[in-house]
C-alpha atoms as a PDB file:
ATOM      1  CA  UNK A   1      81.664 143.163  81.086  1.00  0.00           C
ATOM      2  CA  UNK A   2      83.863 146.207  81.595  1.00  0.00           C
ATOM      3  CA  UNK A   3      86.269 146.047  84.520  1.00  0.00           C
ATOM      4  CA  UNK A   4      85.997 147.959  87.764  1.00  0.00           C
ATOM      5  CA  UNK A   5      89.172 149.539  89.166  1.00  0.00           C
ATOM      6  CA  UNK A   6      89.372 150.474  92.843  1.00  0.00           C
ATOM      7  CA  UNK A   7      91.798 153.254  93.768  1.00  0.00           C
ATOM      8  CA  UNK A   8      92.647 154.815  97.100  1.00  0.00           C
ATOM      9  CA  UNK A   9      95.324 155.230  99.711  1.00  0.00           C
ATOM     10  CA  UNK A  10      96.991 152.250 101.371  1.00  0.00           C
ATOM     11  CA  UNK A  11      94.758 151.008 104.156  1.00  0.00           C
ATOM     12  CA  UNK A  12      91.562 152.276 102.500  1.00  0.00           C
ATOM     13  CA  UNK A  13      90.198 148.753 102.005  1.00  0.00           C
ATOM     14  CA  UNK A  14      90.908 148.240  98.312  1.00  0.00           C
ATOM     15  CA  UNK A  15      91.727 144.565  98.840  1.00  0.00           C
ATOM     16  CA  UNK A  16      89.359 143.628 101.672  1.00  0.00           C
ATOM     17  CA  UNK A  17      86.308 145.577 100.536  1.00  0.00           C
ATOM     18  CA  UNK A  18      87.293 145.049  96.906  1.00  0.00           C
ATOM     19  CA  UNK A  19      87.018 141.260  97.264  1.00  0.00           C
ATOM     20  CA  UNK A  20      83.534 141.593  98.724  1.00  0.00           C
ATOM     21  CA  UNK A  21      82.482 144.049  96.034  1.00  0.00           C
ATOM     22  CA  UNK A  22      83.846 141.761  93.304  1.00  0.00           C
ATOM     23  CA  UNK A  23      81.879 138.859  94.765  1.00  0.00           C
ATOM     24  CA  UNK A  24      78.664 140.908  94.801  1.00  0.00           C
ATOM     25  CA  UNK A  25      79.208 142.039  91.209  1.00  0.00           C
ATOM     26  CA  UNK A  26      80.168 138.498  90.120  1.00  0.00           C
ATOM     27  CA  UNK A  27      83.574 139.684  88.934  1.00  0.00           C
ATOM     28  CA  UNK A  28      86.950 138.027  89.379  1.00  0.00           C
ATOM     29  CA  UNK A  29      89.068 139.874  91.948  1.00  0.00           C
ATOM     30  CA  UNK A  30      92.591 140.934  90.949  1.00  0.00           C
ATOM     31  CA  UNK A  31      95.080 142.722  93.184  1.00  0.00           C
ATOM     32  CA  UNK A  32      97.610 144.592  91.044  1.00  0.00           C
ATOM     33  CA  UNK A  33     100.309 144.275  93.709  1.00  0.00           C
ATOM     34  CA  UNK A  34      99.902 140.490  93.713  1.00  0.00           C
ATOM     35  CA  UNK A  35     100.188 140.447  89.926  1.00  0.00           C
ATOM     36  CA  UNK A  36     103.399 142.479  90.143  1.00  0.00           C
ATOM     37  CA  UNK A  37     104.857 140.085  92.709  1.00  0.00           C
ATOM     38  CA  UNK A  38     103.985 137.110  90.490  1.00  0.00           C
ATOM     39  CA  UNK A  39     105.751 138.789  87.573  1.00  0.00           C
ATOM     40  CA  UNK A  40     108.928 139.775  89.458  1.00  0.00           C
ATOM     41  CA  UNK A  41     109.004 136.633  91.644  1.00  0.00           C
ATOM     42  CA  UNK A  42     109.708 138.615  94.821  1.00  0.00           C
ATOM     43  CA  UNK A  43     107.870 140.947  97.142  1.00  0.00           C
ATOM     44  CA  UNK A  44     107.347 144.589  96.277  1.00  0.00           C
ATOM     45  CA  UNK A  45     109.274 145.477  99.440  1.00  0.00           C
ATOM     46  CA  UNK A  46     112.267 143.483  98.212  1.00  0.00           C
ATOM     47  CA  UNK A  47     112.087 145.143  94.798  1.00  0.00           C
ATOM     48  CA  UNK A  48     111.920 148.639  96.293  1.00  0.00           C
ATOM     49  CA  UNK A  49     114.806 147.928  98.690  1.00  0.00           C
ATOM     50  CA  UNK A  50     116.956 146.426  95.924  1.00  0.00           C
ATOM     51  CA  UNK A  51     116.121 148.648  92.952  1.00  0.00           C
ATOM     52  CA  UNK A  52     114.237 151.670  94.275  1.00  0.00           C
ATOM     53  CA  UNK A  53     110.740 153.079  94.056  1.00  0.00           C
ATOM     54  CA  UNK A  54     111.199 154.393  90.497  1.00  0.00           C
ATOM     55  CA  UNK A  55     111.946 150.894  89.178  1.00  0.00           C
ATOM     56  CA  UNK A  56     108.871 149.621  91.009  1.00  0.00           C
ATOM     57  CA  UNK A  57     106.696 152.316  89.364  1.00  0.00           C
ATOM     58  CA  UNK A  58     108.006 151.336  85.907  1.00  0.00           C
ATOM     59  CA  UNK A  59     107.237 147.657  86.519  1.00  0.00           C
ATOM     60  CA  UNK A  60     103.844 148.548  88.016  1.00  0.00           C
ATOM     61  CA  UNK A  61     102.970 150.496  84.856  1.00  0.00           C
ATOM     62  CA  UNK A  62     104.141 147.665  82.575  1.00  0.00           C
ATOM     63  CA  UNK A  63     102.065 145.100  84.499  1.00  0.00           C
ATOM     64  CA  UNK A  64      99.040 147.427  84.467  1.00  0.00           C
ATOM     65  CA  UNK A  65      99.264 147.683  80.662  1.00  0.00           C
ATOM     66  CA  UNK A  66      99.744 143.942  80.160  1.00  0.00           C
ATOM     67  CA  UNK A  67      96.775 142.404  81.970  1.00  0.00           C
ATOM     68  CA  UNK A  68      93.384 141.366  80.602  1.00  0.00           C
ATOM     69  CA  UNK A  69      90.742 143.055  82.736  1.00  0.00           C
ATOM     70  CA  UNK A  70      87.494 141.818  81.217  1.00  0.00           C
ATOM     71  CA  UNK A  71      85.012 140.712  83.910  1.00  0.00           C
ATOM     72  CA  UNK A  72      87.400 141.698  86.699  1.00  0.00           C
ATOM     73  CA  UNK A  73      87.501 144.035  89.669  1.00  0.00           C
ATOM     74  CA  UNK A  74      91.044 145.309  90.170  1.00  0.00           C
ATOM     75  CA  UNK A  75      92.464 146.692  93.399  1.00  0.00           C
ATOM     76  CA  UNK A  76      95.271 149.009  92.328  1.00  0.00           C
ATOM     77  CA  UNK A  77      98.227 149.989  94.447  1.00  0.00           C
ATOM     78  CA  UNK A  78      97.846 153.208  96.434  1.00  0.00           C
ATOM     79  CA  UNK A  79     100.176 155.114  94.124  1.00  0.00           C
ATOM     80  CA  UNK A  80      99.202 153.441  90.855  1.00  0.00           C
ATOM     81  CA  UNK A  81      96.851 156.223  89.650  1.00  0.00           C
ATOM     82  CA  UNK A  82      99.486 158.903  90.250  1.00  0.00           C
ATOM     83  CA  UNK A  83     102.157 157.849  87.751  1.00  0.00           C
ATOM     84  CA  UNK A  84     102.569 157.437  83.981  1.00  0.00           C
ATOM     85  CA  UNK A  85      98.988 158.525  83.169  1.00  0.00           C
ATOM     86  CA  UNK A  86      97.730 155.328  84.815  1.00  0.00           C
ATOM     87  CA  UNK A  87      94.517 156.980  86.029  1.00  0.00           C
ATOM     88  CA  UNK A  88      93.681 158.120  82.523  1.00  0.00           C
ATOM     89  CA  UNK A  89      94.395 154.590  81.272  1.00  0.00           C
ATOM     90  CA  UNK A  90      92.159 152.795  83.775  1.00  0.00           C
ATOM     91  CA  UNK A  91      89.394 155.379  83.263  1.00  0.00           C
ATOM     92  CA  UNK A  92      89.498 154.516  79.550  1.00  0.00           C
ATOM     93  CA  UNK A  93      89.090 150.792  80.273  1.00  0.00           C
ATOM     94  CA  UNK A  94      86.224 150.655  82.735  1.00  0.00           C
ATOM     95  CA  UNK A  95      84.587 152.078  85.820  1.00  0.00           C
ATOM     96  CA  UNK A  96      86.884 153.563  88.441  1.00  0.00           C
ATOM     97  CA  UNK A  97      85.966 153.748  92.100  1.00  0.00           C
ATOM     98  CA  UNK A  98      87.797 155.804  94.734  1.00  0.00           C
ATOM     99  CA  UNK A  99      87.630 154.436  98.287  1.00  0.00           C
ATOM    100  CA  UNK A 100      87.772 157.730 100.164  1.00  0.00           C
ATOM    101  CA  UNK A 101      88.643 157.059 103.795  1.00  0.00           C
ATOM    102  CA  UNK A 102      89.521 159.727 106.364  1.00  0.00           C
ATOM    103  CA  UNK A 103      93.101 160.384 107.420  1.00  0.00           C
ATOM    104  CA  UNK A 104      92.213 159.335 110.966  1.00  0.00           C
ATOM    105  CA  UNK A 105      90.964 155.927 109.869  1.00  0.00           C
ATOM    106  CA  UNK A 106      93.973 155.437 107.588  1.00  0.00           C
ATOM    107  CA  UNK A 107      96.305 156.346 110.437  1.00  0.00           C
ATOM    108  CA  UNK A 108      94.514 154.010 112.826  1.00  0.00           C
ATOM    109  CA  UNK A 109      94.694 151.108 110.371  1.00  0.00           C
ATOM    110  CA  UNK A 110      98.269 151.688 109.254  1.00  0.00           C
ATOM    111  CA  UNK A 111      99.731 152.242 112.722  1.00  0.00           C
ATOM    112  CA  UNK A 112      98.123 149.052 113.994  1.00  0.00           C
ATOM    113  CA  UNK A 113      99.320 146.927 111.072  1.00  0.00           C
ATOM    114  CA  UNK A 114     102.759 145.504 110.564  1.00  0.00           C
ATOM    115  CA  UNK A 115     104.451 147.865 108.072  1.00  0.00           C
ATOM    116  CA  UNK A 116     107.235 145.646 106.764  1.00  0.00           C
ATOM    117  CA  UNK A 117     105.290 144.870 103.605  1.00  0.00           C
ATOM    118  CA  UNK A 118     104.671 148.579 102.894  1.00  0.00           C
ATOM    119  CA  UNK A 119     108.036 150.036 101.890  1.00  0.00           C
ATOM    120  CA  UNK A 120     106.905 153.670 101.904  1.00  0.00           C
ATOM    121  CA  UNK A 121     105.972 153.557 105.590  1.00  0.00           C
ATOM    122  CA  UNK A 122     108.134 150.717 106.944  1.00  0.00           C
ATOM    123  CA  UNK A 123     110.349 153.043 108.979  1.00  0.00           C
ATOM    124  CA  UNK A 124     107.640 155.475 110.101  1.00  0.00           C
ATOM    125  CA  UNK A 125     105.787 155.608 113.388  1.00  0.00           C
ATOM    126  CA  UNK A 126     103.674 158.046 115.373  1.00  0.00           C
ATOM    127  CA  UNK A 127     103.646 161.591 114.030  1.00  0.00           C
ATOM    128  CA  UNK A 128     105.933 160.683 111.116  1.00  0.00           C
ATOM    129  CA  UNK A 129     103.296 158.245 109.873  1.00  0.00           C
ATOM    130  CA  UNK A 130     100.486 160.752 110.446  1.00  0.00           C
ATOM    131  CA  UNK A 131     102.430 163.439 108.523  1.00  0.00           C
ATOM    132  CA  UNK A 132     103.219 161.029 105.691  1.00  0.00           C
ATOM    133  CA  UNK A 133      99.544 160.116 105.306  1.00  0.00           C
ATOM    134  CA  UNK A 134      98.424 163.766 105.296  1.00  0.00           C
ATOM    135  CA  UNK A 135     101.082 164.882 102.798  1.00  0.00           C
ATOM    136  CA  UNK A 136     100.706 161.884 100.479  1.00  0.00           C
ATOM    137  CA  UNK A 137      96.923 162.021 100.506  1.00  0.00           C
ATOM    138  CA  UNK A 138      97.034 165.705  99.597  1.00  0.00           C
ATOM    139  CA  UNK A 139      99.318 164.904  96.632  1.00  0.00           C
ATOM    140  CA  UNK A 140      97.328 161.866  95.489  1.00  0.00           C
ATOM    141  CA  UNK A 141      93.769 163.127  95.994  1.00  0.00           C
ATOM    142  CA  UNK A 142      93.644 164.982  92.611  1.00  0.00           C
ATOM    143  CA  UNK A 143      94.360 161.662  90.881  1.00  0.00           C
ATOM    144  CA  UNK A 144      91.958 159.633  93.030  1.00  0.00           C
ATOM    145  CA  UNK A 145      89.180 162.169  92.473  1.00  0.00           C
ATOM    146  CA  UNK A 146      89.314 161.505  88.722  1.00  0.00           C
ATOM    147  CA  UNK A 147      87.498 158.251  89.499  1.00  0.00           C
ATOM    148  CA  UNK A 148      84.004 157.809  88.110  1.00  0.00           C
ATOM    149  CA  UNK A 149      82.536 157.046  91.539  1.00  0.00           C
ATOM    150  CA  UNK A 150      83.631 157.924  95.071  1.00  0.00           C
ATOM    151  CA  UNK A 151      82.618 155.873  98.109  1.00  0.00           C
ATOM    152  CA  UNK A 152      83.568 155.822 101.750  1.00  0.00           C
ATOM    153  CA  UNK A 153      83.547 152.050 102.313  1.00  0.00           C
ATOM    154  CA  UNK A 154      83.307 152.611 106.068  1.00  0.00           C
ATOM    155  CA  UNK A 155      79.940 154.334 105.592  1.00  0.00           C
ATOM    156  CA  UNK A 156      78.642 152.723 102.373  1.00  0.00           C
ATOM    157  CA  UNK A 157      77.488 149.118 102.171  1.00  0.00           C
ATOM    158  CA  UNK A 158      78.795 146.744  99.538  1.00  0.00           C
ATOM    159  CA  UNK A 159      75.266 146.443  98.146  1.00  0.00           C
ATOM    160  CA  UNK A 160      74.905 150.230  97.859  1.00  0.00           C
ATOM    161  CA  UNK A 161      78.267 150.468  96.082  1.00  0.00           C
ATOM    162  CA  UNK A 162      77.289 147.654  93.706  1.00  0.00           C
ATOM    163  CA  UNK A 163      73.977 149.377  92.872  1.00  0.00           C
ATOM    164  CA  UNK A 164      75.790 152.638  92.074  1.00  0.00           C
ATOM    165  CA  UNK A 165      78.355 150.850  89.885  1.00  0.00           C
ATOM    166  CA  UNK A 166      75.588 149.052  87.988  1.00  0.00           C
ATOM    167  CA  UNK A 167      73.663 152.297  87.535  1.00  0.00           C
ATOM    168  CA  UNK A 168      76.794 154.087  86.332  1.00  0.00           C
ATOM    169  CA  UNK A 169      78.077 151.417  83.958  1.00  0.00           C
ATOM    170  CA  UNK A 170      75.600 150.104  81.421  1.00  0.00           C
ATOM    171  CA  UNK A 171      77.739 147.053  80.615  1.00  0.00           C
ATOM    172  CA  UNK A 172      76.519 145.251  83.748  1.00  0.00           C
ATOM    173  CA  UNK A 173      73.578 142.936  83.425  1.00  0.00           C
ATOM    174  CA  UNK A 174      71.862 143.874  86.667  1.00  0.00           C
ATOM    175  CA  UNK A 175      69.930 140.607  86.751  1.00  0.00           C
ATOM    176  CA  UNK A 176      73.200 138.688  87.099  1.00  0.00           C
ATOM    177  CA  UNK A 177      74.173 140.592  90.244  1.00  0.00           C
ATOM    178  CA  UNK A 178      72.791 139.526  93.598  1.00  0.00           C
ATOM    179  CA  UNK A 179      72.083 142.550  95.756  1.00  0.00           C
ATOM    180  CA  UNK A 180      70.136 142.052  98.949  1.00  0.00           C
END
């Protein structure tokens, strides 16, 4: 079965909702950031602090190209689609899904979470964080919107998303997927 790739801004639910969606579709869940950390044997935050964001993007791209994605749902990093033609690459491999969440919800989630594990926002708070989200989302949206399907996971059920993915991608055997 072709893979499903979930893209979207940090805090959009790629990991949390992605796990549930993978379970519904009977796919193995893979988080690209976790795969990167396994490869480099340190956290992404440590890598970015030690070697910079550009080195992280190079490693991210290399890991993206090296994995086997058959029968998997992959949560990408928030910036993954925006560098090195990664969005074009994942579109060529399977079905891409953009989790489109409002700036307000992203801000609410990101300001209430501990930021230490998110190097791009670790030092931001209040209006700085709000401005970062708005600016970054504006820059990234053209990449995210190249996805095959766009869902707001806050407003769309896992079952509804699964049905749309199955309808879009003929490689799914709908009888294998439990949708209630």
